[in-house]
Protein backbone atom coordinates (compact mmCIF):
# COMPACT_ATOMS: atom_id res chain seq x y z
CA MET A 1 65.66 270.58 302.63
CA ALA A 2 68.42 268.22 301.50
CA ALA A 3 70.63 269.36 304.38
CA PHE A 4 67.77 268.86 306.82
CA VAL A 5 67.13 265.32 305.52
CA VAL A 6 70.84 264.45 305.55
CA VAL A 7 71.17 265.60 309.15
CA ALA A 8 68.11 263.57 310.13
CA LEU A 9 69.42 260.51 308.26
CA VAL A 10 72.87 260.75 309.84
CA SER A 11 71.29 261.18 313.27
CA ALA A 12 69.01 258.18 312.75
CA VAL A 13 71.82 255.96 311.45
CA THR A 14 74.12 257.04 314.29
CA SER A 15 71.41 256.37 316.87
CA THR A 16 70.70 252.99 315.28
CA ALA A 17 74.35 252.00 315.31
CA LEU A 18 74.81 253.06 318.94
CA ALA A 19 71.60 251.32 320.03
CA TYR A 20 72.58 248.13 318.22
CA ARG A 21 76.06 248.17 319.70
CA ASP A 22 74.83 248.76 323.24
CA ALA A 23 72.05 246.17 322.94
CA ARG A 24 74.39 243.55 321.47
CA THR A 25 76.98 244.23 324.16
CA ALA A 26 74.37 243.96 326.89
CA VAL A 27 72.97 240.70 325.57
CA LEU A 28 76.39 239.10 325.15
CA GLN A 29 77.60 240.39 328.51
CA ARG A 30 74.61 238.93 330.29
CA THR A 31 75.04 235.60 328.52
CA GLN A 32 78.77 235.52 329.22
CA ASN A 33 78.35 236.36 332.90
CA ALA A 34 75.62 233.76 333.31
CA ALA A 35 77.72 231.11 331.56
CA VAL A 36 80.79 231.84 333.70
CA ASP A 37 78.81 231.85 336.97
CA ASP A 38 76.90 228.69 336.13
CA LEU A 39 80.05 226.81 335.15
CA ARG A 40 81.91 227.92 338.26
CA GLU A 41 79.07 226.95 340.62
CA ARG A 42 78.37 223.61 338.95
CA THR A 43 82.01 222.65 338.72
CA THR A 44 82.62 223.54 342.36
CA ALA A 45 79.64 221.43 343.44
CA VAL A 46 80.56 218.36 341.37
CA ALA A 47 84.32 218.50 341.97
CA ALA A 48 83.81 218.19 345.75
CA ASP A 49 82.90 214.47 345.36
CA PHE A 50 85.32 213.67 342.56
CA ASP A 51 88.05 211.12 343.27
CA MET A 52 91.51 211.72 342.01
CA PRO A 53 93.26 210.52 339.97
CA PRO A 54 90.52 209.94 337.36
CA ASP A 55 90.32 207.46 334.52
CA ARG A 56 88.55 207.99 331.24
CA ARG A 57 85.25 206.61 332.53
CA THR A 58 85.14 208.68 335.75
CA LEU A 59 86.19 211.74 333.70
CA ALA A 60 83.26 211.18 331.34
CA ARG A 61 80.84 210.87 334.30
CA PHE A 62 82.31 214.07 335.74
CA ALA A 63 81.62 215.90 332.43
CA ALA A 64 78.10 214.49 332.22
CA ARG A 65 77.21 215.56 335.78
CA ILE A 66 78.40 219.11 335.10
CA SER A 67 76.50 219.21 331.78
CA ASP A 68 73.29 218.01 333.46
CA GLY A 69 73.33 221.12 335.64
CA LEU A 70 74.05 223.50 332.73
CA GLY A 71 71.25 222.56 330.40
CA ALA A 72 72.08 222.12 326.72
CA ARG A 73 75.74 223.05 326.96
CA ILE A 74 78.47 220.64 325.94
CA VAL A 75 81.05 220.10 328.67
CA VAL A 76 84.59 218.94 327.98
CA VAL A 77 86.92 217.89 330.83
CA ARG A 78 90.63 217.47 330.39
CA HIS A 79 93.13 215.93 332.82
CA ARG A 80 96.56 215.92 331.44
CA ASP A 81 96.31 213.55 328.43
CA LEU A 82 92.76 212.36 329.18
CA VAL A 83 89.82 214.12 327.50
CA ALA A 84 86.12 213.40 328.03
CA ALA A 85 82.98 215.17 326.76
CA SER A 86 79.40 215.10 327.87
CA ASP A 87 78.44 214.43 324.25
CA ALA A 88 80.74 211.80 322.86
CA TYR A 89 79.72 212.58 319.30
CA ALA A 90 80.22 216.36 319.48
CA ASP A 91 83.16 217.91 317.65
CA THR A 92 84.75 220.00 320.32
CA GLU A 93 88.27 220.38 318.93
CA GLY A 94 87.18 223.05 316.44
CA ARG A 95 85.31 225.04 319.10
CA ILE A 96 87.89 225.02 321.91
CA THR A 97 90.89 226.91 320.59
CA PRO A 98 94.49 226.21 321.63
CA GLU A 99 94.77 229.79 322.85
CA LEU A 100 91.88 229.30 325.30
CA ARG A 101 93.32 225.97 326.56
CA ALA A 102 96.71 227.56 327.17
CA ALA A 103 95.13 230.52 328.98
CA VAL A 104 93.05 228.22 331.22
CA ARG A 105 96.04 226.01 331.98
CA SER A 106 98.13 228.98 333.09
CA GLY A 107 95.33 230.96 334.64
CA ASP A 108 93.60 230.95 337.98
CA GLY A 109 89.97 231.67 337.17
CA ALA A 110 87.21 231.28 334.60
CA LEU A 111 87.94 232.58 331.10
CA PHE A 112 85.70 232.80 328.03
CA GLN A 113 86.04 233.21 324.28
CA ARG A 114 83.50 233.78 321.48
CA VAL A 115 84.24 231.66 318.41
CA THR A 116 82.63 231.00 315.08
CA TRP A 117 82.50 227.40 314.01
CA ARG A 118 81.01 226.32 310.71
CA GLY A 119 79.44 229.75 310.34
CA GLU A 120 77.69 229.67 313.72
CA PRO A 121 78.58 231.65 316.88
CA TYR A 122 79.51 229.90 320.14
CA LEU A 123 80.64 230.91 323.61
CA VAL A 124 83.31 228.76 325.22
CA VAL A 125 83.98 229.11 328.97
CA GLY A 126 86.97 227.38 330.55
CA MET A 127 88.34 227.14 334.09
CA PRO A 128 90.84 225.05 336.03
CA VAL A 129 89.74 223.01 339.09
CA ARG A 130 91.76 223.79 342.19
CA TYR A 131 91.45 222.38 345.73
CA ALA A 132 91.69 224.67 348.74
CA ASP A 133 93.14 222.67 351.62
CA GLY A 134 95.52 225.00 353.31
CA ASP A 135 96.90 226.30 350.06
CA ARG A 136 95.33 226.28 346.65
CA ARG A 137 96.37 223.09 344.97
CA ASP A 138 96.05 222.44 341.23
CA SER A 139 94.07 219.27 340.50
CA GLY A 140 95.10 219.11 336.86
CA LEU A 141 91.44 219.22 335.78
CA GLU A 142 90.32 221.71 333.13
CA VAL A 143 86.62 222.16 332.46
CA PHE A 144 85.21 223.76 329.28
CA ALA A 145 81.55 224.51 328.55
CA VAL A 146 80.41 225.28 324.96
CA SER A 147 77.23 227.36 324.64
CA ASP A 148 75.29 228.13 321.45
CA LEU A 149 74.92 231.88 320.76
CA ARG A 150 72.51 231.62 317.85
CA ALA A 151 69.56 232.73 319.97
CA GLU A 152 71.42 235.85 321.07
CA ARG A 153 72.53 236.53 317.49
CA ASP A 154 68.94 236.23 316.29
CA ASP A 155 67.73 238.54 319.05
CA THR A 156 70.24 241.28 318.20
CA ALA A 157 69.55 240.86 314.47
CA ALA A 158 65.82 241.27 315.10
CA LEU A 159 66.58 244.40 317.12
CA LEU A 160 68.71 245.76 314.26
CA ASP A 161 65.95 245.05 311.73
CA SER A 162 63.44 246.85 313.92
CA VAL A 163 65.67 249.89 314.24
CA ARG A 164 66.39 249.88 310.49
CA ALA A 165 62.69 249.77 309.77
CA GLY A 166 62.30 252.88 311.90
CA VAL A 167 64.88 254.86 309.89
CA LEU A 168 62.65 255.27 306.81
CA PRO A 169 59.73 256.85 308.69
CA VAL A 170 62.21 259.14 310.43
CA VAL A 171 63.66 260.27 307.08
CA VAL A 172 60.19 260.75 305.56
CA LEU A 173 59.10 262.75 308.59
CA ALA A 174 62.29 264.82 308.34
CA ALA A 175 61.59 265.50 304.66
CA VAL A 176 58.04 266.64 305.45
CA LEU A 177 59.26 268.89 308.24
CA ALA A 178 62.01 270.22 305.96
CA LEU A 179 59.43 271.04 303.28
CA LEU A 180 57.28 272.85 305.77
CA ALA A 181 60.26 274.77 307.16
CA ALA A 182 61.62 275.54 303.69
CA GLY A 183 58.20 276.72 302.55
CA THR A 184 57.89 278.95 305.58
CA VAL A 185 61.29 280.51 304.87
CA LEU A 186 61.42 280.46 301.08
CA ARG A 187 57.87 281.59 300.29
CA PRO A 188 58.46 285.16 301.53
CA VAL A 189 61.93 285.07 299.93
CA ARG A 190 60.37 284.18 296.56
CA LYS A 191 57.82 286.96 296.93
CA LEU A 192 60.58 289.39 297.81
CA GLY A 193 62.58 288.16 294.81
CA ARG A 194 59.62 288.73 292.46
CA ALA A 195 59.16 292.22 293.87
CA ALA A 196 62.88 292.96 293.42
CA ARG A 197 62.83 291.70 289.82
CA GLY A 198 59.79 293.85 289.09
CA LEU A 199 61.57 296.87 290.55
CA ALA A 200 64.68 296.11 288.49
CA ALA A 201 62.52 295.83 285.36
CA GLY A 202 61.24 299.37 285.91
CA ASP A 203 58.03 298.73 287.84
CA LEU A 204 58.57 301.23 290.63
CA GLY A 205 55.21 300.28 292.15
CA SER A 206 56.44 296.73 292.87
CA ARG A 207 56.18 295.93 296.58
CA ALA A 208 56.72 292.90 298.79
CA VAL A 209 53.93 291.55 301.01
CA VAL A 210 54.88 291.90 304.69
CA THR A 211 53.65 289.12 306.97
CA GLY A 212 54.77 288.31 310.49
CA ARG A 213 57.38 289.91 312.69
CA ASP A 214 60.50 287.89 311.91
CA GLU A 215 63.70 288.91 310.13
CA LEU A 216 62.22 288.25 306.68
CA ALA A 217 59.32 290.56 307.49
CA ASP A 218 61.83 293.23 308.52
CA LEU A 219 63.69 292.70 305.25
CA ALA A 220 60.47 293.01 303.22
CA ARG A 221 59.55 296.14 305.16
CA THR A 222 62.96 297.68 304.44
CA PHE A 223 62.64 296.76 300.76
CA ASN A 224 59.26 298.48 300.57
CA GLU A 225 60.64 301.60 302.25
CA THR A 226 63.54 301.66 299.78
CA ALA A 227 61.15 301.23 296.86
CA ASP A 228 58.97 304.06 298.17
CA ALA A 229 61.98 306.35 298.42
CA LEU A 230 63.14 305.34 294.95
CA GLN A 231 59.70 305.92 293.45
CA ALA A 232 59.43 309.33 295.10
CA SER A 233 62.92 310.28 293.90
CA ASP A 234 62.15 309.06 290.38
CA ALA A 235 58.91 311.02 290.28
CA GLU A 236 60.72 314.15 291.46
CA LEU A 237 63.47 313.70 288.87
CA ARG A 238 60.95 313.12 286.10
CA GLU A 239 59.08 316.23 287.11
CA GLN A 240 62.29 318.27 287.17
CA GLU A 241 63.30 316.88 283.78
CA ALA A 242 59.89 317.67 282.33
CA ARG A 243 60.10 321.23 283.71
CA ALA A 244 63.59 321.62 282.22
CA ARG A 245 62.38 320.43 278.81
CA ARG A 246 59.39 322.72 278.92
CA PHE A 247 61.66 325.59 279.91
CA VAL A 248 64.02 324.96 276.98
CA ALA A 249 61.11 324.59 274.57
CA ASP A 250 59.37 327.70 275.90
CA VAL A 251 62.55 329.78 275.83
CA SER A 252 63.36 328.63 272.31
CA HIS A 253 59.83 329.38 271.16
CA GLU A 254 59.81 332.81 272.77
CA LEU A 255 63.15 333.67 271.21
CA ARG A 256 61.97 332.99 267.67
CA THR A 257 59.98 336.21 267.28
CA PRO A 258 62.65 338.65 268.49
CA LEU A 259 65.29 336.64 266.59
CA ALA A 260 63.26 336.98 263.42
CA ALA A 261 63.24 340.77 263.87
CA MET A 262 66.96 340.79 264.73
CA THR A 263 67.70 338.68 261.66
CA MET A 264 65.88 341.15 259.40
CA VAL A 265 67.78 344.09 260.91
CA ALA A 266 71.09 342.21 260.67
CA THR A 267 70.38 341.38 257.03
CA VAL A 268 69.73 345.03 256.22
CA LEU A 269 72.92 346.04 258.03
CA GLU A 270 74.97 343.42 256.15
CA GLU A 271 73.58 344.64 252.81
CA ASP A 272 74.64 348.21 253.65
CA ALA A 273 77.99 347.20 255.18
CA ASP A 274 79.90 348.09 252.02
CA ARG A 275 78.81 351.71 252.38
CA MET A 276 79.72 351.94 256.06
CA PRO A 277 83.03 352.86 257.66
CA ALA A 278 85.33 349.88 258.19
CA ASP A 279 84.68 349.47 261.93
CA ALA A 280 80.91 349.82 261.48
CA ALA A 281 80.93 347.36 258.56
CA ARG A 282 82.89 344.82 260.58
CA ALA A 283 80.45 345.23 263.48
CA ALA A 284 77.45 344.84 261.15
CA ARG A 285 78.82 341.63 259.63
CA THR A 286 79.64 340.25 263.09
CA VAL A 287 76.13 340.99 264.33
CA GLY A 288 74.66 339.30 261.27
CA ALA A 289 76.82 336.18 261.68
CA GLU A 290 76.12 335.85 265.39
CA THR A 291 72.42 336.50 264.90
CA ALA A 292 72.30 333.74 262.30
CA ARG A 293 74.21 331.44 264.64
CA LEU A 294 71.84 332.24 267.49
CA ALA A 295 68.85 331.54 265.25
CA ARG A 296 70.31 328.14 264.30
CA LEU A 297 71.01 327.37 267.96
CA VAL A 298 67.39 328.12 268.84
CA GLU A 299 66.21 325.84 266.02
CA ASP A 300 68.52 323.09 267.27
CA LEU A 301 67.23 323.50 270.83
CA MET A 302 63.66 323.22 269.63
CA GLU A 303 64.56 320.11 267.64
CA ILE A 304 66.26 318.54 270.68
CA SER A 305 63.27 319.39 272.88
CA ARG A 306 61.00 317.56 270.40
CA PHE A 307 63.20 314.47 270.65
CA ASP A 308 63.19 314.66 274.46
CA ALA A 309 59.43 315.06 274.58
CA GLY A 310 58.93 312.10 272.23
CA ALA A 311 57.16 314.38 269.77
CA ALA A 312 59.53 313.75 266.85
CA ARG A 313 57.88 311.70 264.10
CA LEU A 314 59.12 310.20 260.87
CA ASN A 315 57.60 311.26 257.58
CA ALA A 316 58.94 308.15 255.88
CA ALA A 317 58.67 307.32 252.20
CA GLY A 318 60.59 305.28 249.63
CA THR A 319 63.68 307.31 248.78
CA ASP A 320 66.61 306.94 246.39
CA LEU A 321 69.40 307.55 248.87
CA ALA A 322 72.09 308.32 246.29
CA ASP A 323 69.94 311.10 244.81
CA ALA A 324 69.11 312.39 248.29
CA ILE A 325 72.80 312.62 249.27
CA ARG A 326 73.75 314.36 246.01
CA ALA A 327 70.91 316.85 246.51
CA SER A 328 72.03 317.54 250.09
CA LEU A 329 75.61 318.24 248.96
CA ALA A 330 74.49 320.40 246.03
CA LEU A 331 72.15 322.46 248.23
CA ARG A 332 75.10 323.54 250.38
CA GLY A 333 77.59 323.98 247.53
CA TRP A 334 79.75 321.05 248.62
CA THR A 335 79.60 319.00 245.41
CA GLY A 336 83.05 320.04 244.23
CA ARG A 337 84.62 319.66 247.68
CA VAL A 338 83.50 316.11 248.46
CA TRP A 339 84.36 312.84 246.73
CA THR A 340 81.43 310.45 246.49
CA ARG A 341 81.19 306.69 245.97
CA LEU A 342 77.47 306.07 245.93
CA ASP A 343 75.88 302.74 244.98
CA GLU A 344 73.06 303.51 242.58
CA GLY A 345 69.57 302.20 243.06
CA VAL A 346 69.73 301.98 246.86
CA ARG A 347 66.14 302.70 247.87
CA ALA A 348 64.86 302.59 251.43
CA VAL A 349 61.95 303.89 253.47
CA VAL A 350 63.36 306.95 255.29
CA ASP A 351 62.45 310.49 256.23
CA ARG A 352 64.32 312.44 253.52
CA ARG A 353 64.48 315.67 255.53
CA ARG A 354 66.06 313.93 258.52
CA VAL A 355 68.55 312.09 256.33
CA ASP A 356 69.47 315.49 254.86
CA VAL A 357 70.11 316.81 258.38
CA ILE A 358 72.35 313.81 259.16
CA VAL A 359 74.35 314.18 255.93
CA ALA A 360 74.71 317.96 256.42
CA ASN A 361 76.04 317.54 259.97
CA LEU A 362 78.50 314.72 259.21
CA VAL A 363 79.86 316.24 255.97
CA GLY A 364 79.95 319.74 257.49
CA ASN A 365 82.03 318.42 260.42
CA ALA A 366 84.44 316.68 258.06
CA LEU A 367 84.91 319.79 255.91
CA ARG A 368 85.43 322.14 258.86
CA HIS A 369 87.47 320.03 261.22
CA GLY A 370 89.12 317.42 259.02
CA ALA A 371 91.35 317.72 255.99
CA PRO A 372 90.66 316.96 252.35
CA PRO A 373 89.84 314.80 250.66
CA VAL A 374 86.45 314.21 252.30
CA THR A 375 84.81 311.05 251.02
CA VAL A 376 81.15 310.01 251.23
CA THR A 377 80.48 306.30 250.62
CA LEU A 378 77.02 304.71 250.31
CA GLY A 379 76.34 301.00 250.21
CA THR A 380 74.39 298.14 251.73
CA ARG A 381 75.45 295.32 254.02
CA THR A 382 73.69 292.13 255.08
CA GLY A 383 74.50 290.31 258.28
CA ALA A 384 72.98 288.12 260.96
CA ASP A 385 71.01 291.14 262.19
CA GLY A 386 69.47 291.90 258.79
CA ALA A 387 70.11 294.24 255.87
CA TRP A 388 71.43 297.75 256.46
CA VAL A 389 72.14 300.95 254.56
CA VAL A 390 75.67 302.10 255.42
CA LEU A 391 76.84 305.68 254.84
CA GLU A 392 80.44 306.55 255.68
CA VAL A 393 81.84 310.08 255.86
CA ALA A 394 85.65 310.09 256.11
CA ASP A 395 88.25 312.84 256.18
CA HIS A 396 92.04 312.90 256.31
CA GLY A 397 92.45 315.24 259.26
CA PRO A 398 94.00 314.58 262.68
CA GLY A 399 91.27 312.12 263.64
CA LEU A 400 89.49 311.83 266.97
CA PRO A 401 91.39 311.24 270.23
CA PRO A 402 89.86 308.48 272.39
CA GLU A 403 88.46 310.95 274.93
CA VAL A 404 86.77 312.91 272.13
CA ARG A 405 85.48 309.78 270.41
CA GLU A 406 83.68 308.74 273.59
CA ARG A 407 81.86 312.08 273.91
CA VAL A 408 81.53 313.32 270.35
CA PHE A 409 77.76 312.73 270.38
CA ASP A 410 77.19 314.45 273.74
CA ARG A 411 75.14 317.62 273.69
CA PHE A 412 77.12 320.87 273.78
CA TYR A 413 80.39 318.97 273.84
CA LYS A 414 83.34 320.87 272.35
CA ALA A 415 86.57 319.10 271.45
CA ASP A 416 90.07 320.47 271.81
CA ALA A 417 91.86 322.81 269.43
CA SER A 418 92.60 320.09 266.87
CA ARG A 419 88.88 319.75 266.32
CA ALA A 420 87.70 322.86 268.08
CA ARG A 421 84.09 322.30 267.10
CA GLY A 422 84.00 318.55 267.48
CA ALA A 423 80.25 318.36 267.77
CA ALA A 424 79.17 320.73 265.07
CA ASP A 425 76.08 321.39 263.05
CA ASP A 426 75.74 322.39 259.39
CA SER A 427 76.48 326.01 260.18
CA GLY A 428 79.77 327.79 259.90
CA GLN A 429 80.15 327.70 263.68
CA GLY A 430 79.37 324.66 265.85
CA SER A 431 76.65 324.79 268.49
CA GLY A 432 77.64 321.48 270.07
CA LEU A 433 74.27 319.98 269.13
CA GLY A 434 74.82 318.91 265.53
CA THR A 435 76.09 315.37 266.02
CA ALA A 436 73.64 314.86 268.90
CA ILE A 437 70.75 315.78 266.57
CA ALA A 438 72.19 313.55 263.83
CA LEU A 439 72.34 310.59 266.26
CA GLU A 440 68.74 311.20 267.44
CA ASN A 441 67.57 311.23 263.81
CA ALA A 442 69.41 307.96 263.17
CA ARG A 443 67.85 306.35 266.23
CA LEU A 444 64.42 307.56 265.12
CA HIS A 445 64.95 305.43 261.99
CA GLY A 446 66.07 302.46 264.13
CA GLY A 447 69.73 303.00 263.24
CA THR A 448 72.85 304.45 264.78
CA ILE A 449 76.03 306.45 264.11
CA ASP A 450 79.52 305.35 265.12
CA ALA A 451 82.72 307.41 265.20
CA SER A 452 86.17 305.90 264.65
CA ASP A 453 89.56 306.61 263.10
CA GLY A 454 90.20 305.62 259.51
CA PRO A 455 92.92 303.12 258.56
CA GLU A 456 94.90 305.91 256.87
CA GLY A 457 94.17 308.56 259.51
CA GLY A 458 91.32 310.98 259.84
CA ALA A 459 87.88 310.54 261.36
CA VAL A 460 85.21 308.20 260.01
CA PHE A 461 81.53 308.62 260.92
CA THR A 462 79.40 305.61 259.93
CA LEU A 463 75.61 305.86 259.65
CA ARG A 464 73.69 302.57 259.71
CA LEU A 465 69.98 302.52 258.87
CA PRO A 466 67.72 299.47 258.48
CA LEU A 467 67.22 298.71 254.80
CA ARG A 468 63.46 298.72 254.54
CA ARG A 469 62.18 298.51 251.00
CA ALA A 470 59.25 300.56 249.78
CA GLU A 471 56.99 297.50 249.88
CA GLU A 472 57.85 297.09 253.58
CA GLU A 473 56.84 300.66 254.46
CA VAL A 474 54.77 300.90 257.58
CA GLU A 475 53.05 303.86 259.13
CA GLU A 476 55.35 305.56 261.63
C-alpha cells in the first residue's frame, strides 16, 4: 500500500510541476509576445511624425504618445545623452538593466528581459528606432516599455495552489484504492498462511479456502492437494506403524508360552549337565543360556511395545533413592563391584520398579563394557529449570566414540568391538534394547539420560529426574 501511495504521490507531484511549468511558460510567453508586438506597432506609428533631432521636451512628448497607446506601461526613450519617461516620477534606472540597454543599442530588433525590482516582477521590452529610406538608417532613438507582471504572477500562483489542493484528494484516493487492492491480494494470502501454520502445527485437516480463478486460487488449490496427499500418507504410515506394533506385541505374547516350556526344559538340562558327557553338557548349558536370553528379549520387546502404544504407566510413590539404588545393586550381586557415593535422604516421587530397571541397565553396561572402578553417584541439583535428581554411572573403560555416543540409545544398536554390546540390558548378553528401555523409563518420569566421556576417560551415563517431593505427588 505504501508503494502504491508513493507512486501516486510522485505521479501527482510530477504532473503538478509539469502543469505549473507549462502554464507559467504559456502565460509569460503570451504576455511577452503581446508586449513586444504592441511596442513595435506603437513606436512605428509615432516615430513616423517625429522630428529629428529631438530635445528633452519633444522626447518626453514622444514617450508620452507611445505610453498612451500601451495602457499602463511606463515608456522610457533615450537619444544619446537625453532620457525622457512617460512618468517623470517613476524610477526606471533600477528596472532597465545596463545589459538590456547595451543589447538594444547593438541590436536590430525588439528585445525583452524579465527583472525583479523591489521584490516585484516586471517585463522590460526595448527596441531601437530605425528609418527605412533606401537603407535602414539608425535614428539614435531607443525605446523601452516597462510592464508589471504581478497579475501574471498571481494567476500562475493561483493555478499552482489549485493543483496543490488537488494532490491531497489524489493521495487519499490512491490510499483507498491501495487498501482495496491489498485486501484483495492479502486476504487470501493470510488465509493460506493460517492454513499453512495449522498444517505445520500438526493439524493435517487444515485447508485453505479457494475463491476465484486467479493465481492465488491456484496456489490455494495446490496447497490443499498437497495437504490431502500428506494426510493420506500420514494415515497410511500411522496404520502401518500400528500394525507393526501389534505384530511385535502379538509375536512377543505368543512366544511367552513356548518359551516358558523351553525354559523349564533348559533348566532341567542345566541341572543334569554335570552328569552328561562333555559335549552334551556344553550343549545343554548353551541352550539354557540362549533360552534365557531369548526370554529376556521377548520381555524387552513387550516392554517396548507398551511404550510405543502409550500403555506404560507410572506407579509412583515417595521413594528413598539411595536405598532403592543399594537394593538394586544387592539384588544382582554387584555391591562389592561398584563404588557408590549416594547422598542420604534424597526422596522423590518415582516408580521404584522402573528406577530399578534404569539402574540395572546403566550399571550392567558399565560392568560389562567398561573397566573398573565403576562408580555410582547420587545427588540433587537446582537450576533455572527447577530441582533435579542426578544419578551418574561412570566407568574407566575406553569410553564412547562420537558415532557410538550419538546412537547409543537407538533400539537394537550394537557398538564396535571396544564396546561390543553398547546398548545392553541387565542380562549377561546385550539385546540392543536395554539403554532404549532405560531412556523410555526416564522420559516417562519427565527426565532424560545423557551419555558422555568422563574427564579421566571412560563412559559416563547421567540420569536426570525431576525432584518431586512426596507432598507434590500427583496421580499419574
